[in-house]
N, C-alpha and C. Protein backbone atom coordinates (compact mmCIF):
# COMPACT_ATOMS: atom_id res chain seq x y z
N MET A 1 -144.77 -112.61 53.77
CA MET A 1 -144.42 -113.56 52.72
C MET A 1 -145.54 -114.57 52.58
N VAL A 2 -145.86 -114.91 51.37
CA VAL A 2 -146.89 -115.89 51.11
C VAL A 2 -146.28 -117.28 51.17
N LYS A 3 -146.93 -118.14 51.93
CA LYS A 3 -146.41 -119.49 52.11
C LYS A 3 -146.34 -120.21 50.77
N GLY A 4 -145.22 -120.88 50.53
CA GLY A 4 -145.06 -121.66 49.32
C GLY A 4 -144.46 -120.89 48.14
N GLU A 5 -144.34 -119.59 48.24
CA GLU A 5 -143.76 -118.81 47.14
C GLU A 5 -142.24 -118.86 47.22
N ASN A 6 -141.61 -118.99 46.07
CA ASN A 6 -140.16 -118.94 46.01
C ASN A 6 -139.73 -117.52 45.65
N PHE A 7 -139.02 -116.89 46.57
CA PHE A 7 -138.54 -115.54 46.33
C PHE A 7 -137.16 -115.60 45.70
N LYS A 8 -136.90 -114.67 44.81
CA LYS A 8 -135.64 -114.63 44.07
C LYS A 8 -135.02 -113.24 44.19
N LYS A 9 -133.71 -113.18 44.37
CA LYS A 9 -133.00 -111.90 44.42
C LYS A 9 -133.01 -111.29 43.02
N ILE A 10 -133.47 -110.03 42.94
CA ILE A 10 -133.54 -109.40 41.62
C ILE A 10 -132.61 -108.21 41.47
N THR A 11 -132.20 -107.62 42.59
CA THR A 11 -131.28 -106.49 42.51
C THR A 11 -130.62 -106.26 43.85
N VAL A 12 -129.55 -105.50 43.83
CA VAL A 12 -128.83 -105.11 45.03
C VAL A 12 -129.04 -103.61 45.22
N VAL A 13 -129.23 -103.20 46.47
CA VAL A 13 -129.41 -101.78 46.78
C VAL A 13 -128.19 -101.27 47.53
N GLU A 14 -127.94 -99.98 47.40
CA GLU A 14 -126.73 -99.39 47.98
C GLU A 14 -126.93 -98.85 49.39
N ASN A 15 -128.19 -98.60 49.78
CA ASN A 15 -128.42 -98.06 51.12
C ASN A 15 -129.87 -98.31 51.54
N LYS A 16 -130.17 -98.02 52.79
CA LYS A 16 -131.51 -98.27 53.34
C LYS A 16 -132.55 -97.39 52.65
N PHE A 17 -132.20 -96.16 52.31
CA PHE A 17 -133.14 -95.28 51.63
C PHE A 17 -133.61 -95.89 50.31
N GLU A 18 -132.66 -96.38 49.51
CA GLU A 18 -133.01 -97.00 48.23
C GLU A 18 -133.86 -98.25 48.46
N ALA A 19 -133.50 -99.04 49.46
CA ALA A 19 -134.26 -100.26 49.76
C ALA A 19 -135.71 -99.92 50.13
N ASP A 20 -135.89 -98.92 50.98
CA ASP A 20 -137.23 -98.53 51.40
C ASP A 20 -138.05 -97.98 50.23
N LEU A 21 -137.41 -97.20 49.38
CA LEU A 21 -138.10 -96.62 48.23
C LEU A 21 -138.56 -97.71 47.26
N ILE A 22 -137.69 -98.67 46.97
CA ILE A 22 -138.04 -99.77 46.07
C ILE A 22 -139.13 -100.63 46.69
N ALA A 23 -139.00 -100.97 47.97
CA ALA A 23 -140.00 -101.80 48.64
C ALA A 23 -141.37 -101.13 48.62
N GLN A 24 -141.41 -99.83 48.91
CA GLN A 24 -142.67 -99.10 48.91
C GLN A 24 -143.29 -99.09 47.51
N THR A 25 -142.48 -98.84 46.50
CA THR A 25 -142.98 -98.78 45.13
C THR A 25 -143.52 -100.13 44.69
N LEU A 26 -142.79 -101.20 44.98
CA LEU A 26 -143.26 -102.54 44.60
C LEU A 26 -144.56 -102.88 45.32
N GLN A 27 -144.65 -102.56 46.59
CA GLN A 27 -145.86 -102.86 47.35
C GLN A 27 -147.05 -102.07 46.81
N GLU A 28 -146.82 -100.82 46.40
CA GLU A 28 -147.90 -100.02 45.80
C GLU A 28 -148.39 -100.64 44.50
N GLU A 29 -147.50 -101.34 43.80
CA GLU A 29 -147.85 -102.00 42.54
C GLU A 29 -148.39 -103.42 42.77
N GLY A 30 -148.53 -103.81 44.03
CA GLY A 30 -149.09 -105.12 44.34
C GLY A 30 -148.11 -106.27 44.27
N ILE A 31 -146.81 -105.96 44.32
CA ILE A 31 -145.79 -107.00 44.26
C ILE A 31 -145.19 -107.19 45.65
N PRO A 32 -145.37 -108.37 46.23
CA PRO A 32 -144.75 -108.61 47.54
C PRO A 32 -143.23 -108.65 47.40
N CYS A 33 -142.54 -108.14 48.40
CA CYS A 33 -141.09 -108.16 48.33
C CYS A 33 -140.50 -108.29 49.72
N MET A 34 -139.24 -108.71 49.74
CA MET A 34 -138.47 -108.79 50.98
C MET A 34 -137.16 -108.07 50.75
N ILE A 35 -136.66 -107.43 51.77
CA ILE A 35 -135.35 -106.79 51.72
C ILE A 35 -134.44 -107.56 52.65
N ARG A 36 -133.34 -108.04 52.12
CA ARG A 36 -132.36 -108.76 52.93
C ARG A 36 -131.12 -107.88 53.07
N SER A 37 -130.89 -107.39 54.28
CA SER A 37 -129.74 -106.52 54.52
C SER A 37 -128.47 -107.35 54.64
N TYR A 38 -127.38 -106.85 54.08
CA TYR A 38 -126.08 -107.49 54.21
C TYR A 38 -125.30 -106.93 55.39
N HIS A 39 -125.87 -105.93 56.07
CA HIS A 39 -125.16 -105.32 57.19
C HIS A 39 -124.99 -106.34 58.31
N ASP A 40 -123.78 -106.51 58.75
CA ASP A 40 -123.45 -107.45 59.82
C ASP A 40 -122.86 -106.65 60.97
N THR A 41 -123.57 -106.61 62.08
CA THR A 41 -123.09 -105.81 63.21
C THR A 41 -121.78 -106.32 63.77
N ALA A 42 -121.52 -107.61 63.64
CA ALA A 42 -120.26 -108.16 64.16
C ALA A 42 -119.06 -107.57 63.43
N TYR A 43 -119.23 -107.26 62.15
CA TYR A 43 -118.14 -106.71 61.35
C TYR A 43 -118.35 -105.24 61.01
N ASN A 44 -119.36 -104.63 61.63
CA ASN A 44 -119.65 -103.21 61.47
C ASN A 44 -119.81 -102.79 60.01
N GLY A 45 -120.40 -103.66 59.20
CA GLY A 45 -120.70 -103.31 57.82
C GLY A 45 -119.52 -103.21 56.87
N ILE A 46 -118.40 -103.86 57.18
CA ILE A 46 -117.21 -103.72 56.32
C ILE A 46 -117.39 -104.35 54.94
N PHE A 47 -118.38 -105.22 54.78
CA PHE A 47 -118.58 -105.87 53.47
C PHE A 47 -119.56 -105.11 52.58
N ILE A 48 -120.20 -104.08 53.10
CA ILE A 48 -121.18 -103.33 52.32
C ILE A 48 -120.58 -102.72 51.05
N PRO A 49 -119.37 -102.14 51.07
CA PRO A 49 -118.83 -101.60 49.81
C PRO A 49 -118.65 -102.66 48.72
N GLN A 50 -118.43 -103.91 49.10
CA GLN A 50 -118.24 -104.97 48.11
C GLN A 50 -119.55 -105.60 47.67
N LYS A 51 -120.47 -105.81 48.61
CA LYS A 51 -121.70 -106.54 48.32
C LYS A 51 -122.91 -105.65 48.14
N GLY A 52 -122.84 -104.40 48.56
CA GLY A 52 -124.00 -103.52 48.57
C GLY A 52 -124.66 -103.59 49.93
N TRP A 53 -125.66 -102.75 50.17
CA TRP A 53 -126.32 -102.70 51.47
C TRP A 53 -127.23 -103.90 51.68
N GLY A 54 -127.88 -104.34 50.59
CA GLY A 54 -128.81 -105.46 50.73
C GLY A 54 -129.37 -105.88 49.39
N ALA A 55 -130.26 -106.86 49.44
CA ALA A 55 -130.87 -107.42 48.23
C ALA A 55 -132.38 -107.27 48.29
N VAL A 56 -132.98 -107.05 47.13
CA VAL A 56 -134.43 -107.03 46.99
C VAL A 56 -134.84 -108.37 46.40
N MET A 57 -135.81 -109.00 47.06
CA MET A 57 -136.28 -110.31 46.63
C MET A 57 -137.78 -110.26 46.38
N VAL A 58 -138.21 -110.90 45.28
CA VAL A 58 -139.63 -110.95 44.93
C VAL A 58 -139.97 -112.38 44.49
N PRO A 59 -141.27 -112.72 44.45
CA PRO A 59 -141.65 -114.04 43.94
C PRO A 59 -141.15 -114.23 42.51
N GLU A 60 -140.68 -115.43 42.21
CA GLU A 60 -140.09 -115.70 40.89
C GLU A 60 -141.02 -115.32 39.74
N GLU A 61 -142.31 -115.58 39.88
CA GLU A 61 -143.23 -115.32 38.78
C GLU A 61 -143.46 -113.83 38.54
N LEU A 62 -143.03 -112.97 39.46
CA LEU A 62 -143.18 -111.53 39.29
C LEU A 62 -141.84 -110.83 39.02
N GLU A 63 -140.81 -111.62 38.75
CA GLU A 63 -139.46 -111.07 38.56
C GLU A 63 -139.40 -110.03 37.45
N ARG A 64 -139.90 -110.34 36.27
CA ARG A 64 -139.80 -109.43 35.12
C ARG A 64 -140.52 -108.12 35.41
N GLU A 65 -141.73 -108.21 35.94
CA GLU A 65 -142.52 -107.01 36.24
C GLU A 65 -141.80 -106.15 37.29
N ALA A 66 -141.26 -106.79 38.32
CA ALA A 66 -140.56 -106.05 39.38
C ALA A 66 -139.30 -105.38 38.84
N LYS A 67 -138.55 -106.08 38.00
CA LYS A 67 -137.34 -105.50 37.41
C LYS A 67 -137.67 -104.28 36.56
N ASP A 68 -138.76 -104.36 35.81
CA ASP A 68 -139.17 -103.22 34.98
C ASP A 68 -139.54 -102.01 35.84
N ILE A 69 -140.24 -102.26 36.94
CA ILE A 69 -140.63 -101.18 37.85
C ILE A 69 -139.40 -100.55 38.48
N ILE A 70 -138.46 -101.37 38.91
CA ILE A 70 -137.23 -100.86 39.54
C ILE A 70 -136.40 -100.07 38.54
N ALA A 71 -136.30 -100.57 37.31
CA ALA A 71 -135.55 -99.85 36.28
C ALA A 71 -136.16 -98.48 36.02
N ALA A 72 -137.48 -98.41 35.93
CA ALA A 72 -138.15 -97.13 35.70
C ALA A 72 -137.96 -96.19 36.88
N LEU A 73 -138.03 -96.73 38.08
CA LEU A 73 -137.82 -95.92 39.29
C LEU A 73 -136.41 -95.35 39.32
N ARG A 74 -135.43 -96.18 39.05
CA ARG A 74 -134.03 -95.72 39.06
C ARG A 74 -133.78 -94.71 37.95
N GLU A 75 -134.37 -94.91 36.79
CA GLU A 75 -134.21 -93.96 35.68
C GLU A 75 -134.81 -92.61 36.06
N GLY A 76 -135.97 -92.63 36.70
CA GLY A 76 -136.60 -91.39 37.16
C GLY A 76 -135.75 -90.67 38.18
N LEU A 77 -135.15 -91.42 39.10
CA LEU A 77 -134.28 -90.80 40.11
C LEU A 77 -133.02 -90.24 39.47
N LYS A 78 -132.51 -90.95 38.48
CA LYS A 78 -131.30 -90.48 37.77
C LYS A 78 -131.58 -89.16 37.05
N LYS A 79 -132.71 -89.10 36.36
CA LYS A 79 -133.08 -87.88 35.64
C LYS A 79 -133.31 -86.73 36.61
N GLU A 80 -133.95 -87.04 37.72
CA GLU A 80 -134.21 -86.02 38.74
C GLU A 80 -132.91 -85.47 39.30
N GLY A 81 -131.94 -86.33 39.50
CA GLY A 81 -130.64 -85.91 40.01
C GLY A 81 -129.88 -85.06 39.01
N GLN A 82 -130.00 -85.40 37.73
CA GLN A 82 -129.32 -84.63 36.68
C GLN A 82 -129.93 -83.25 36.53
N GLU A 83 -131.22 -83.14 36.68
CA GLU A 83 -131.89 -81.84 36.59
C GLU A 83 -131.49 -80.95 37.74
N GLY A 84 -131.24 -81.53 38.90
CA GLY A 84 -130.83 -80.75 40.06
C GLY A 84 -129.41 -80.24 39.96
N GLU A 85 -128.60 -80.83 39.09
CA GLU A 85 -127.20 -80.43 38.94
C GLU A 85 -127.04 -79.23 38.03
N THR A 86 -128.04 -78.96 37.17
CA THR A 86 -127.90 -77.86 36.21
C THR A 86 -128.32 -76.55 36.78
């Protein structure tokens, strides 16, 4: 994390795989990011179905660019999944 930058939550992820994929893609595009997991070992993850697995956070000034990248990534995964079903 860069000192002095304000990070903002831009999306929620459903699992660690999705979090890792988004983080890797953003980093490849030069966007720093943090993943904040909602998993709580004390409660064995019982809140994950309500809150999601975790949040993706990026610097506020890169929010729009990061959201566009994530939307394109998710759309590509959705199309890939639909092609596999036929």
